[in-house]
N, C-alpha and C. Protein backbone atom coordinates (compact mmCIF):
# COMPACT_ATOMS: atom_id res chain seq x y z
N MET A 1 0.86 -1.18 -0.04
CA MET A 1 -0.03 -0.03 0.01
C MET A 1 0.88 1.23 0.03
N GLU A 2 0.58 2.26 -0.76
CA GLU A 2 1.32 3.47 -0.93
C GLU A 2 1.11 4.39 0.35
N ASN A 3 2.16 5.10 0.69
CA ASN A 3 2.13 6.12 1.71
C ASN A 3 1.45 7.40 1.15
N ILE A 4 0.41 7.86 1.79
CA ILE A 4 -0.23 9.13 1.36
C ILE A 4 0.38 10.26 2.19
N ILE A 5 0.88 9.99 3.32
CA ILE A 5 1.56 11.04 4.24
C ILE A 5 2.93 10.48 4.74
N GLU A 6 3.95 11.30 4.60
CA GLU A 6 5.24 10.91 5.15
C GLU A 6 5.76 12.17 5.92
N VAL A 7 6.27 11.84 7.12
CA VAL A 7 6.86 12.87 7.94
C VAL A 7 8.28 12.52 8.18
N LYS A 8 9.24 13.50 7.96
CA LYS A 8 10.67 13.21 8.09
C LYS A 8 11.28 14.20 8.94
N ASP A 9 11.83 13.82 10.04
CA ASP A 9 12.59 14.64 11.02
C ASP A 9 11.92 15.89 11.31
N LEU A 10 10.63 15.84 11.66
CA LEU A 10 9.81 17.04 11.92
C LEU A 10 10.05 17.61 13.28
N ASN A 11 10.35 18.92 13.37
CA ASN A 11 10.43 19.57 14.59
C ASN A 11 9.64 20.87 14.64
N LYS A 12 9.02 21.15 15.73
CA LYS A 12 8.23 22.42 15.83
C LYS A 12 8.64 23.07 17.17
N THR A 13 9.05 24.30 17.09
CA THR A 13 9.49 25.09 18.27
C THR A 13 8.69 26.39 18.32
N PHE A 14 8.19 26.71 19.53
CA PHE A 14 7.50 27.97 19.69
C PHE A 14 8.33 28.87 20.60
N LEU A 15 8.31 30.18 20.37
CA LEU A 15 8.88 31.13 21.23
C LEU A 15 7.92 31.84 22.11
N LEU A 16 8.00 31.68 23.47
CA LEU A 16 7.13 32.33 24.43
C LEU A 16 7.99 33.39 25.13
N GLY A 17 8.00 34.60 24.58
CA GLY A 17 8.84 35.65 25.23
C GLY A 17 10.29 35.25 24.94
N GLU A 18 11.07 35.09 25.93
CA GLU A 18 12.46 34.60 25.80
C GLU A 18 12.65 33.12 25.92
N LEU A 19 11.44 32.43 26.18
CA LEU A 19 11.56 30.99 26.36
C LEU A 19 11.22 30.18 25.03
N THR A 20 12.13 29.29 24.83
CA THR A 20 11.93 28.42 23.59
C THR A 20 11.35 27.12 24.08
N VAL A 21 10.22 26.69 23.42
CA VAL A 21 9.48 25.48 23.77
C VAL A 21 9.57 24.56 22.54
N ASP A 22 10.16 23.41 22.76
CA ASP A 22 10.21 22.35 21.71
C ASP A 22 8.99 21.45 21.84
N VAL A 23 7.99 21.64 21.00
CA VAL A 23 6.75 21.01 21.04
C VAL A 23 6.84 19.65 20.38
N LEU A 24 7.45 19.58 19.18
CA LEU A 24 7.62 18.29 18.52
C LEU A 24 9.11 18.11 18.18
N LYS A 25 9.61 16.91 18.39
CA LYS A 25 11.06 16.61 18.39
C LYS A 25 11.36 15.44 17.53
N GLY A 26 11.84 15.68 16.28
CA GLY A 26 12.32 14.60 15.41
C GLY A 26 11.25 13.59 15.13
N ILE A 27 10.05 14.00 14.71
CA ILE A 27 9.02 13.10 14.37
C ILE A 27 9.25 12.41 12.97
N ASN A 28 9.17 11.12 12.95
CA ASN A 28 9.24 10.41 11.70
C ASN A 28 8.09 9.37 11.76
N MET A 29 7.26 9.46 10.70
CA MET A 29 6.13 8.59 10.65
C MET A 29 5.55 8.55 9.21
N SER A 30 4.79 7.54 8.92
CA SER A 30 4.19 7.52 7.62
C SER A 30 2.71 6.96 7.80
N VAL A 31 1.92 7.27 6.81
CA VAL A 31 0.50 6.94 6.86
C VAL A 31 0.15 6.37 5.54
N GLU A 32 -0.37 5.14 5.50
CA GLU A 32 -0.72 4.51 4.23
C GLU A 32 -2.17 4.98 3.79
N LYS A 33 -2.36 4.99 2.53
CA LYS A 33 -3.64 5.38 1.97
C LYS A 33 -4.74 4.43 2.47
N GLY A 34 -5.82 4.99 3.03
CA GLY A 34 -6.91 4.19 3.54
C GLY A 34 -6.89 3.83 5.00
N GLU A 35 -5.82 4.24 5.65
CA GLU A 35 -5.72 3.98 7.15
C GLU A 35 -6.64 4.86 7.88
N PHE A 36 -7.03 4.41 9.12
CA PHE A 36 -7.77 5.20 10.10
C PHE A 36 -6.97 5.25 11.32
N ILE A 37 -6.37 6.30 11.60
CA ILE A 37 -5.32 6.45 12.67
C ILE A 37 -5.81 7.37 13.79
N THR A 38 -5.59 6.93 15.03
CA THR A 38 -5.90 7.84 16.16
C THR A 38 -4.56 8.25 16.78
N ILE A 39 -4.42 9.63 16.90
CA ILE A 39 -3.19 10.17 17.55
C ILE A 39 -3.63 10.56 19.00
N MET A 40 -2.99 9.90 19.97
CA MET A 40 -3.27 9.95 21.37
C MET A 40 -2.10 10.56 22.15
N GLY A 41 -2.45 11.14 23.27
CA GLY A 41 -1.37 11.66 24.16
C GLY A 41 -1.93 12.58 25.24
N PRO A 42 -1.22 12.88 26.26
CA PRO A 42 -1.72 13.72 27.29
C PRO A 42 -1.72 15.20 26.80
N SER A 43 -2.51 16.02 27.53
CA SER A 43 -2.56 17.47 27.16
C SER A 43 -1.14 18.02 27.16
N GLY A 44 -0.88 18.84 26.04
CA GLY A 44 0.41 19.48 25.91
C GLY A 44 1.45 18.62 25.28
N SER A 45 1.09 17.42 24.80
CA SER A 45 2.04 16.47 24.26
C SER A 45 2.44 16.83 22.79
N GLY A 46 1.61 17.66 22.17
CA GLY A 46 1.94 18.06 20.85
C GLY A 46 1.10 17.39 19.75
N LYS A 47 0.06 16.60 20.17
CA LYS A 47 -0.66 15.85 19.19
C LYS A 47 -1.56 16.80 18.27
N SER A 48 -2.17 17.77 18.81
CA SER A 48 -2.94 18.68 17.98
C SER A 48 -1.96 19.51 17.05
N THR A 49 -0.87 19.95 17.54
CA THR A 49 0.15 20.62 16.77
C THR A 49 0.56 19.81 15.55
N LEU A 50 0.84 18.50 15.86
CA LEU A 50 1.13 17.53 14.76
C LEU A 50 0.07 17.48 13.73
N LEU A 51 -1.19 17.45 14.11
CA LEU A 51 -2.29 17.37 13.20
C LEU A 51 -2.46 18.66 12.37
N TYR A 52 -2.23 19.76 12.97
CA TYR A 52 -2.29 21.03 12.19
C TYR A 52 -1.18 21.16 11.24
N LEU A 53 0.04 20.66 11.60
CA LEU A 53 1.11 20.69 10.65
C LEU A 53 0.87 19.75 9.49
N LEU A 54 0.23 18.56 9.69
CA LEU A 54 -0.12 17.69 8.63
C LEU A 54 -1.10 18.31 7.63
N GLY A 55 -1.92 19.13 8.18
CA GLY A 55 -2.95 19.77 7.36
C GLY A 55 -2.50 21.08 6.72
N GLY A 56 -1.26 21.51 6.97
CA GLY A 56 -0.77 22.76 6.45
C GLY A 56 -1.34 24.00 7.08
N LEU A 57 -1.90 23.82 8.29
CA LEU A 57 -2.43 25.00 9.04
C LEU A 57 -1.37 25.69 9.80
N ASP A 58 -0.19 25.06 9.87
CA ASP A 58 0.99 25.66 10.58
C ASP A 58 2.19 25.14 9.86
N LYS A 59 3.28 25.78 10.10
CA LYS A 59 4.58 25.35 9.33
C LYS A 59 5.61 24.81 10.34
N PRO A 60 6.30 23.71 9.92
CA PRO A 60 7.31 23.13 10.82
C PRO A 60 8.49 24.04 10.94
N THR A 61 9.23 23.94 12.09
CA THR A 61 10.44 24.70 12.26
C THR A 61 11.55 24.09 11.39
N THR A 62 11.63 22.82 11.37
CA THR A 62 12.52 22.02 10.50
C THR A 62 11.84 20.71 10.18
N GLY A 63 12.31 20.06 9.09
CA GLY A 63 11.77 18.76 8.71
C GLY A 63 10.78 18.94 7.55
N LYS A 64 10.29 17.81 7.05
CA LYS A 64 9.40 17.72 5.91
C LYS A 64 8.17 16.96 6.16
N ILE A 65 7.07 17.44 5.58
CA ILE A 65 5.81 16.73 5.59
C ILE A 65 5.41 16.55 4.05
N LEU A 66 5.29 15.33 3.67
CA LEU A 66 4.98 15.03 2.26
C LEU A 66 3.49 14.47 2.17
N ILE A 67 2.68 15.14 1.37
CA ILE A 67 1.36 14.77 1.13
C ILE A 67 1.34 14.29 -0.31
N LYS A 68 1.03 13.00 -0.57
CA LYS A 68 1.11 12.39 -1.87
C LYS A 68 2.40 12.65 -2.55
N GLY A 69 3.52 12.63 -1.80
CA GLY A 69 4.89 12.80 -2.30
C GLY A 69 5.31 14.24 -2.49
N GLN A 70 4.36 15.18 -2.17
CA GLN A 70 4.70 16.59 -2.32
C GLN A 70 5.04 17.21 -1.03
N ASP A 71 6.24 17.84 -0.91
CA ASP A 71 6.64 18.55 0.26
C ASP A 71 5.80 19.79 0.44
N ILE A 72 4.91 19.85 1.43
CA ILE A 72 3.99 21.00 1.42
C ILE A 72 4.60 22.24 1.87
N SER A 73 5.75 22.19 2.53
CA SER A 73 6.47 23.37 2.94
C SER A 73 7.17 24.06 1.78
N ALA A 74 7.30 23.34 0.63
CA ALA A 74 7.89 23.98 -0.57
C ALA A 74 6.91 24.64 -1.38
N LEU A 75 5.58 24.52 -1.01
CA LEU A 75 4.50 25.16 -1.77
C LEU A 75 4.45 26.62 -1.40
N SER A 76 3.91 27.41 -2.33
CA SER A 76 3.66 28.82 -2.13
C SER A 76 2.38 28.90 -1.24
N ASP A 77 2.15 30.08 -0.59
CA ASP A 77 0.94 30.25 0.22
C ASP A 77 -0.34 29.91 -0.51
N GLU A 78 -0.42 30.31 -1.78
CA GLU A 78 -1.55 30.03 -2.63
C GLU A 78 -1.70 28.57 -2.94
N GLU A 79 -0.56 27.85 -3.20
CA GLU A 79 -0.55 26.43 -3.45
C GLU A 79 -0.97 25.65 -2.18
N GLN A 80 -0.51 26.11 -1.06
CA GLN A 80 -0.87 25.48 0.26
C GLN A 80 -2.34 25.60 0.50
N SER A 81 -2.96 26.86 0.17
CA SER A 81 -4.29 27.10 0.39
C SER A 81 -5.14 26.15 -0.52
N ILE A 82 -4.73 25.87 -1.76
CA ILE A 82 -5.40 25.04 -2.65
C ILE A 82 -5.30 23.58 -2.13
N MET A 83 -4.12 23.26 -1.69
CA MET A 83 -3.97 21.88 -1.09
C MET A 83 -4.89 21.59 0.08
N ARG A 84 -5.04 22.65 0.94
CA ARG A 84 -5.90 22.53 2.13
C ARG A 84 -7.40 22.28 1.72
N ARG A 85 -7.80 23.04 0.63
CA ARG A 85 -9.18 22.93 0.16
C ARG A 85 -9.43 21.66 -0.56
N ARG A 86 -8.49 21.13 -1.30
CA ARG A 86 -8.82 20.02 -2.19
C ARG A 86 -8.30 18.64 -1.69
N GLU A 87 -7.24 18.67 -1.03
CA GLU A 87 -6.58 17.37 -0.62
C GLU A 87 -6.86 16.93 0.78
N VAL A 88 -7.36 17.89 1.63
CA VAL A 88 -7.55 17.63 3.13
C VAL A 88 -8.86 18.21 3.55
N GLY A 89 -9.62 17.39 4.24
CA GLY A 89 -10.86 17.92 4.94
C GLY A 89 -10.65 17.97 6.39
N PHE A 90 -11.16 19.04 7.05
CA PHE A 90 -10.90 19.30 8.43
C PHE A 90 -12.30 19.15 9.22
N VAL A 91 -12.20 18.50 10.37
CA VAL A 91 -13.32 18.41 11.29
C VAL A 91 -12.82 18.80 12.67
N PHE A 92 -13.46 19.75 13.27
CA PHE A 92 -13.00 20.29 14.57
C PHE A 92 -14.00 19.96 15.70
N GLN A 93 -13.47 20.05 16.96
CA GLN A 93 -14.34 19.78 18.07
C GLN A 93 -15.60 20.59 18.18
N PHE A 94 -15.46 21.88 17.84
CA PHE A 94 -16.57 22.78 17.99
C PHE A 94 -17.26 23.18 16.71
N TYR A 95 -17.13 22.21 15.75
CA TYR A 95 -17.90 22.23 14.45
C TYR A 95 -17.48 23.38 13.48
N ASN A 96 -17.30 24.65 14.06
CA ASN A 96 -16.92 25.77 13.16
C ASN A 96 -17.86 25.99 11.97
N LEU A 97 -19.19 25.89 12.28
CA LEU A 97 -20.18 26.19 11.27
C LEU A 97 -20.46 27.66 11.33
N VAL A 98 -20.88 28.21 10.17
CA VAL A 98 -21.39 29.55 10.10
C VAL A 98 -22.85 29.64 10.53
N PRO A 99 -23.15 30.32 11.67
CA PRO A 99 -24.45 30.20 12.29
C PRO A 99 -25.62 30.63 11.44
N ASN A 100 -25.50 31.54 10.59
CA ASN A 100 -26.62 32.11 9.76
C ASN A 100 -26.80 31.42 8.49
N LEU A 101 -25.92 30.39 8.14
CA LEU A 101 -26.01 29.71 6.93
C LEU A 101 -26.80 28.36 7.15
N THR A 102 -27.50 27.96 6.21
CA THR A 102 -28.29 26.65 6.24
C THR A 102 -27.22 25.49 6.14
N VAL A 103 -27.68 24.30 6.44
CA VAL A 103 -26.88 23.11 6.37
C VAL A 103 -26.24 22.96 5.01
N GLU A 104 -27.05 23.16 3.96
CA GLU A 104 -26.53 22.95 2.64
C GLU A 104 -25.47 24.07 2.29
N ASP A 105 -25.69 25.26 2.73
CA ASP A 105 -24.78 26.36 2.44
C ASP A 105 -23.43 26.14 3.26
N ASN A 106 -23.56 25.58 4.49
CA ASN A 106 -22.31 25.36 5.23
C ASN A 106 -21.53 24.28 4.56
N VAL A 107 -22.19 23.24 4.02
CA VAL A 107 -21.51 22.12 3.37
C VAL A 107 -20.79 22.64 2.07
N MET A 108 -21.46 23.44 1.37
CA MET A 108 -21.05 24.02 0.04
C MET A 108 -19.94 25.03 0.20
N LEU A 109 -19.72 25.52 1.42
CA LEU A 109 -18.77 26.69 1.56
C LEU A 109 -17.36 26.44 0.96
N PRO A 110 -16.76 25.25 1.19
CA PRO A 110 -15.41 25.00 0.58
C PRO A 110 -15.46 25.17 -0.90
N LEU A 111 -16.47 24.74 -1.57
CA LEU A 111 -16.60 24.92 -3.02
C LEU A 111 -16.70 26.29 -3.45
N LEU A 112 -17.40 27.13 -2.69
CA LEU A 112 -17.46 28.54 -2.97
C LEU A 112 -16.12 29.22 -2.80
N LEU A 113 -15.41 28.83 -1.79
CA LEU A 113 -14.04 29.42 -1.52
C LEU A 113 -13.05 29.01 -2.61
N ASP A 114 -13.33 27.77 -3.14
CA ASP A 114 -12.42 27.28 -4.20
C ASP A 114 -12.84 27.78 -5.63
N GLY A 115 -13.81 28.65 -5.67
CA GLY A 115 -14.21 29.25 -6.92
C GLY A 115 -15.03 28.32 -7.88
N LYS A 116 -15.60 27.29 -7.32
CA LYS A 116 -16.38 26.36 -8.13
C LYS A 116 -17.89 26.76 -8.23
N LYS A 117 -18.50 26.32 -9.28
CA LYS A 117 -19.85 26.63 -9.50
C LYS A 117 -20.77 25.69 -8.67
N ILE A 118 -21.42 26.29 -7.67
CA ILE A 118 -22.22 25.49 -6.75
C ILE A 118 -23.26 24.58 -7.47
N SER A 119 -23.85 25.16 -8.49
CA SER A 119 -24.93 24.46 -9.22
C SER A 119 -24.58 23.06 -9.73
N LYS A 120 -23.23 22.89 -9.95
CA LYS A 120 -22.82 21.61 -10.60
C LYS A 120 -22.70 20.61 -9.48
N TYR A 121 -22.84 20.92 -8.21
CA TYR A 121 -22.62 20.00 -7.19
C TYR A 121 -23.90 19.62 -6.35
N SER A 122 -25.00 19.88 -6.96
CA SER A 122 -26.30 19.59 -6.24
C SER A 122 -26.46 18.09 -5.98
N ASP A 123 -26.06 17.29 -7.01
CA ASP A 123 -26.15 15.84 -6.82
C ASP A 123 -25.18 15.32 -5.78
N LYS A 124 -23.98 15.89 -5.75
CA LYS A 124 -22.94 15.52 -4.77
C LYS A 124 -23.37 15.91 -3.41
N LEU A 125 -23.98 17.07 -3.25
CA LEU A 125 -24.51 17.58 -1.95
C LEU A 125 -25.56 16.54 -1.50
N ASP A 126 -26.53 16.21 -2.35
CA ASP A 126 -27.54 15.20 -1.95
C ASP A 126 -26.90 13.86 -1.47
N GLU A 127 -25.89 13.44 -2.18
CA GLU A 127 -25.26 12.18 -1.87
C GLU A 127 -24.62 12.19 -0.52
N ILE A 128 -23.87 13.28 -0.25
CA ILE A 128 -23.13 13.46 1.09
C ILE A 128 -24.16 13.57 2.18
N LEU A 129 -25.13 14.43 1.98
CA LEU A 129 -26.16 14.54 3.07
C LEU A 129 -26.86 13.24 3.36
N ASP A 130 -27.04 12.39 2.38
CA ASP A 130 -27.58 11.08 2.57
C ASP A 130 -26.62 10.24 3.40
N VAL A 131 -25.33 10.27 3.06
CA VAL A 131 -24.33 9.58 3.80
C VAL A 131 -24.30 9.93 5.29
N VAL A 132 -24.45 11.23 5.66
CA VAL A 132 -24.44 11.70 6.98
C VAL A 132 -25.81 11.75 7.63
N GLU A 133 -26.81 11.33 6.90
CA GLU A 133 -28.17 11.17 7.34
C GLU A 133 -28.79 12.55 7.72
N LEU A 134 -28.57 13.53 6.87
CA LEU A 134 -29.11 14.83 7.14
C LEU A 134 -29.90 15.42 6.01
N SER A 135 -30.38 14.52 5.12
CA SER A 135 -31.13 14.99 3.94
C SER A 135 -32.36 15.82 4.28
N ASP A 136 -32.94 15.46 5.43
CA ASP A 136 -34.22 16.23 5.82
C ASP A 136 -33.86 17.48 6.64
N ARG A 137 -32.60 17.84 6.78
CA ARG A 137 -32.21 19.01 7.53
C ARG A 137 -31.50 20.10 6.70
N LYS A 138 -31.46 19.93 5.43
CA LYS A 138 -30.65 20.74 4.55
C LYS A 138 -30.97 22.26 4.55
N LYS A 139 -32.17 22.57 4.92
CA LYS A 139 -32.63 23.96 5.00
C LYS A 139 -32.60 24.53 6.43
N HIS A 140 -32.17 23.71 7.33
CA HIS A 140 -32.04 24.15 8.76
C HIS A 140 -30.72 24.85 8.98
N THR A 141 -30.71 25.76 9.99
CA THR A 141 -29.46 26.45 10.42
C THR A 141 -28.93 25.62 11.59
N PRO A 142 -27.55 25.85 11.91
CA PRO A 142 -26.92 25.13 13.03
C PRO A 142 -27.72 25.29 14.31
N ARG A 143 -28.28 26.36 14.64
CA ARG A 143 -29.00 26.58 15.93
C ARG A 143 -30.23 25.62 16.05
N GLU A 144 -30.65 25.08 14.93
CA GLU A 144 -31.81 24.17 14.92
C GLU A 144 -31.41 22.73 15.00
N LEU A 145 -30.14 22.47 15.16
CA LEU A 145 -29.56 21.12 15.09
C LEU A 145 -28.98 20.74 16.46
N SER A 146 -28.92 19.54 16.76
CA SER A 146 -28.27 18.97 17.92
C SER A 146 -26.76 19.04 17.71
N GLY A 147 -25.94 18.85 18.77
CA GLY A 147 -24.53 18.81 18.63
C GLY A 147 -24.04 17.70 17.66
N GLY A 148 -24.60 16.55 17.76
CA GLY A 148 -24.25 15.49 16.83
C GLY A 148 -24.58 15.81 15.34
N GLN A 149 -25.72 16.44 15.21
CA GLN A 149 -26.08 16.79 13.83
C GLN A 149 -25.16 17.86 13.27
N GLN A 150 -24.79 18.79 14.14
CA GLN A 150 -23.79 19.90 13.68
C GLN A 150 -22.48 19.27 13.34
N GLN A 151 -22.05 18.18 14.10
CA GLN A 151 -20.79 17.57 13.71
C GLN A 151 -20.92 16.83 12.41
N ARG A 152 -22.12 16.33 12.20
CA ARG A 152 -22.35 15.55 10.85
C ARG A 152 -22.29 16.58 9.75
N VAL A 153 -22.76 17.77 9.95
CA VAL A 153 -22.62 18.85 8.92
C VAL A 153 -21.16 19.17 8.64
N ALA A 154 -20.39 19.25 9.72
CA ALA A 154 -18.89 19.51 9.57
C ALA A 154 -18.28 18.40 8.85
N ILE A 155 -18.70 17.14 9.04
CA ILE A 155 -18.11 16.02 8.32
C ILE A 155 -18.54 16.03 6.82
N ALA A 156 -19.76 16.42 6.65
CA ALA A 156 -20.15 16.60 5.17
C ALA A 156 -19.38 17.69 4.55
N ARG A 157 -19.18 18.77 5.22
CA ARG A 157 -18.42 19.84 4.61
C ARG A 157 -16.99 19.39 4.29
N ALA A 158 -16.40 18.57 5.15
CA ALA A 158 -15.06 18.03 4.92
C ALA A 158 -14.99 17.16 3.76
N LEU A 159 -16.12 16.55 3.33
CA LEU A 159 -16.14 15.60 2.34
C LEU A 159 -16.51 16.14 0.85
N ILE A 160 -17.04 17.41 0.88
CA ILE A 160 -17.65 17.86 -0.37
C ILE A 160 -16.69 18.03 -1.47
N ASN A 161 -15.45 18.31 -1.17
CA ASN A 161 -14.45 18.53 -2.24
C ASN A 161 -13.74 17.27 -2.52
N GLU A 162 -14.24 16.12 -1.93
CA GLU A 162 -13.72 14.72 -2.22
C GLU A 162 -12.22 14.62 -1.91
N PRO A 163 -11.81 15.10 -0.71
CA PRO A 163 -10.36 14.94 -0.40
C PRO A 163 -10.06 13.58 -0.04
N ASP A 164 -8.83 13.16 -0.15
CA ASP A 164 -8.40 11.78 0.18
C ASP A 164 -8.09 11.65 1.69
N ILE A 165 -7.86 12.82 2.33
CA ILE A 165 -7.48 12.79 3.71
C ILE A 165 -8.42 13.58 4.57
N ILE A 166 -8.84 13.01 5.70
CA ILE A 166 -9.72 13.76 6.67
C ILE A 166 -8.96 13.88 7.98
N LEU A 167 -8.77 15.05 8.50
CA LEU A 167 -8.08 15.31 9.75
C LEU A 167 -9.12 15.83 10.79
N ALA A 168 -9.23 15.15 11.94
CA ALA A 168 -10.26 15.45 12.90
C ALA A 168 -9.62 15.66 14.25
N ASP A 169 -9.85 16.86 14.77
CA ASP A 169 -9.27 17.26 16.12
C ASP A 169 -10.25 17.09 17.17
N GLU A 170 -10.16 16.10 17.95
CA GLU A 170 -11.22 15.77 19.05
C GLU A 170 -12.61 15.87 18.51
N PRO A 171 -12.98 15.18 17.52
CA PRO A 171 -14.31 15.35 16.81
C PRO A 171 -15.50 15.03 17.70
N THR A 172 -15.27 14.25 18.78
CA THR A 172 -16.34 13.85 19.66
C THR A 172 -16.24 14.44 21.04
N GLY A 173 -15.24 15.32 21.24
CA GLY A 173 -14.93 15.86 22.56
C GLY A 173 -16.06 16.75 23.16
N ASN A 174 -16.98 17.20 22.34
CA ASN A 174 -18.11 17.99 22.79
C ASN A 174 -19.40 17.23 22.79
N LEU A 175 -19.37 15.88 22.61
CA LEU A 175 -20.57 15.10 22.42
C LEU A 175 -20.79 14.12 23.58
N ASP A 176 -22.06 13.65 23.83
CA ASP A 176 -22.39 12.70 24.75
C ASP A 176 -21.98 11.35 24.21
N SER A 177 -22.08 10.31 25.09
CA SER A 177 -21.54 8.95 24.63
C SER A 177 -22.34 8.37 23.52
N LYS A 178 -23.70 8.55 23.51
CA LYS A 178 -24.50 7.98 22.41
C LYS A 178 -24.15 8.65 21.08
N THR A 179 -24.03 10.00 21.13
CA THR A 179 -23.79 10.72 19.88
C THR A 179 -22.37 10.48 19.44
N THR A 180 -21.43 10.28 20.38
CA THR A 180 -20.07 9.91 20.08
C THR A 180 -20.03 8.60 19.25
N GLU A 181 -20.82 7.63 19.68
CA GLU A 181 -20.93 6.38 19.04
C GLU A 181 -21.42 6.46 17.55
N GLU A 182 -22.40 7.38 17.47
CA GLU A 182 -23.02 7.58 16.06
C GLU A 182 -21.95 8.29 15.19
N VAL A 183 -21.27 9.27 15.65
CA VAL A 183 -20.28 9.97 14.82
C VAL A 183 -19.16 9.10 14.50
N MET A 184 -18.68 8.28 15.44
CA MET A 184 -17.56 7.41 15.16
C MET A 184 -17.96 6.28 14.16
N ASN A 185 -19.21 5.82 14.23
CA ASN A 185 -19.65 4.87 13.29
C ASN A 185 -19.66 5.45 11.92
N LEU A 186 -19.96 6.76 11.83
CA LEU A 186 -19.96 7.46 10.52
C LEU A 186 -18.57 7.60 9.98
N PHE A 187 -17.58 7.97 10.88
CA PHE A 187 -16.16 8.04 10.40
C PHE A 187 -15.72 6.65 9.87
N GLN A 188 -16.10 5.61 10.61
CA GLN A 188 -15.73 4.25 10.18
C GLN A 188 -16.35 3.88 8.88
N LYS A 189 -17.58 4.29 8.67
CA LYS A 189 -18.19 3.99 7.37
C LYS A 189 -17.51 4.75 6.21
N ILE A 190 -17.14 5.98 6.42
CA ILE A 190 -16.54 6.79 5.47
C ILE A 190 -15.14 6.19 5.10
N ASN A 191 -14.47 5.78 6.17
CA ASN A 191 -13.17 5.11 5.98
C ASN A 191 -13.26 3.88 5.14
N ARG A 192 -14.18 3.01 5.48
CA ARG A 192 -14.29 1.69 4.82
C ARG A 192 -14.94 1.69 3.49
N GLU A 193 -16.01 2.48 3.34
CA GLU A 193 -16.79 2.46 2.07
C GLU A 193 -16.24 3.47 1.03
N LYS A 194 -15.67 4.56 1.52
CA LYS A 194 -15.20 5.57 0.59
C LYS A 194 -13.64 5.62 0.48
N GLY A 195 -13.01 4.77 1.31
CA GLY A 195 -11.51 4.67 1.28
C GLY A 195 -10.74 5.91 1.68
N LYS A 196 -11.47 6.79 2.47
CA LYS A 196 -10.75 8.01 2.95
C LYS A 196 -9.74 7.68 4.02
N THR A 197 -8.62 8.32 4.02
CA THR A 197 -7.60 8.20 5.05
C THR A 197 -7.98 9.16 6.16
N ILE A 198 -8.16 8.70 7.32
CA ILE A 198 -8.58 9.47 8.46
C ILE A 198 -7.53 9.49 9.63
N LEU A 199 -7.19 10.70 10.06
CA LEU A 199 -6.38 10.87 11.28
C LEU A 199 -7.13 11.76 12.22
N GLN A 200 -7.42 11.18 13.40
CA GLN A 200 -8.15 11.90 14.46
C GLN A 200 -7.30 11.99 15.68
N VAL A 201 -7.37 13.17 16.33
CA VAL A 201 -6.73 13.38 17.63
C VAL A 201 -7.84 13.13 18.64
N SER A 202 -7.46 12.22 19.64
CA SER A 202 -8.49 11.88 20.69
C SER A 202 -7.83 11.48 22.04
N HIS A 203 -8.50 11.72 23.11
CA HIS A 203 -8.09 11.27 24.40
C HIS A 203 -8.67 9.88 24.77
N SER A 204 -9.52 9.46 23.90
CA SER A 204 -10.41 8.34 24.30
C SER A 204 -9.96 7.01 23.60
N LEU A 205 -9.70 5.96 24.41
CA LEU A 205 -9.46 4.65 23.84
C LEU A 205 -10.70 4.04 23.15
N GLU A 206 -11.90 4.49 23.64
CA GLU A 206 -13.13 3.97 22.99
C GLU A 206 -13.24 4.47 21.61
N THR A 207 -12.97 5.74 21.35
CA THR A 207 -13.03 6.23 19.91
C THR A 207 -11.84 5.65 19.12
N ALA A 208 -10.70 5.37 19.70
CA ALA A 208 -9.53 4.79 18.98
C ALA A 208 -9.87 3.42 18.43
N LYS A 209 -10.77 2.75 19.07
CA LYS A 209 -11.16 1.36 18.61
C LYS A 209 -11.83 1.31 17.30
N TYR A 210 -12.27 2.44 16.86
CA TYR A 210 -12.92 2.50 15.52
C TYR A 210 -11.93 2.55 14.41
N GLY A 211 -10.69 2.94 14.73
CA GLY A 211 -9.68 2.95 13.70
C GLY A 211 -8.82 1.64 13.63
N ASN A 212 -7.76 1.66 12.93
CA ASN A 212 -6.90 0.43 12.80
C ASN A 212 -5.46 0.63 13.40
N ARG A 213 -5.17 1.82 13.87
CA ARG A 213 -3.82 1.99 14.42
C ARG A 213 -3.85 3.22 15.32
N ILE A 214 -3.00 3.13 16.36
CA ILE A 214 -2.83 4.26 17.29
C ILE A 214 -1.43 4.71 17.25
N ILE A 215 -1.25 6.03 17.19
CA ILE A 215 0.07 6.66 17.33
C ILE A 215 0.02 7.50 18.63
N ASN A 216 0.85 7.17 19.57
CA ASN A 216 0.91 7.86 20.81
C ASN A 216 1.92 8.98 20.67
N VAL A 217 1.59 10.16 21.22
CA VAL A 217 2.51 11.31 21.20
C VAL A 217 2.83 11.65 22.71
N LYS A 218 4.09 11.70 23.06
CA LYS A 218 4.43 11.98 24.52
C LYS A 218 5.76 12.78 24.39
N ASP A 219 5.73 13.93 25.14
CA ASP A 219 6.91 14.74 25.27
C ASP A 219 7.43 15.08 23.86
N GLY A 220 6.55 15.33 22.87
CA GLY A 220 6.95 15.75 21.57
C GLY A 220 7.37 14.71 20.70
N ARG A 221 7.36 13.44 21.13
CA ARG A 221 7.87 12.33 20.25
C ARG A 221 6.69 11.34 20.00
N VAL A 222 6.79 10.54 18.97
CA VAL A 222 5.77 9.59 18.64
C VAL A 222 6.21 8.20 19.07
N TRP A 223 5.17 7.37 19.50
CA TRP A 223 5.43 6.04 19.94
C TRP A 223 4.28 5.19 19.41
N GLU A 224 4.61 4.23 18.55
CA GLU A 224 3.61 3.37 17.95
C GLU A 224 3.13 2.41 19.05
């Protein structure tokens, strides 16, 4: 199986006043296409920083991150922006939906930002809303939805551009146990049926069981 993500000697350092904090130290790892990986570790271990670097939301201090063989740090800002919109879908703990937009408008937002004609994606929208079981909520706004439904909208939004990679930062951290199970079953379905590569950050061994591999991050280093 081919590697869709490769990380080589990755380091990330933050400056806090005169203090230098080494958050990630010499990370080397690879992710095969179609894997469902959970990144785990205590608070402050660097796991969310690692996820943001993989998605191009932040830049490494040193080292390389290759997405489909392309060193993303070698891309221009515009090329990185295009990569984030087309190659990677993001799901966050607090959904990050636009409150005054409907479900369908929130899902279509990445296409609008990518300059695509929304009218050409009506069938794709219906297909994805069917996958996340929100076809009857497309005209609702986020305030009319439960937390689990809002997270399903966020997942649909991450899928609309058909990225190969989904990055999820504590996607069930704001949900009750029943809704967590529903959302994780959805992630598992997307991974297995659509072949999406998924990396989630989580504190929970229960959610990790839905994937096929765990990467532990501790003191800025990874431990399989």
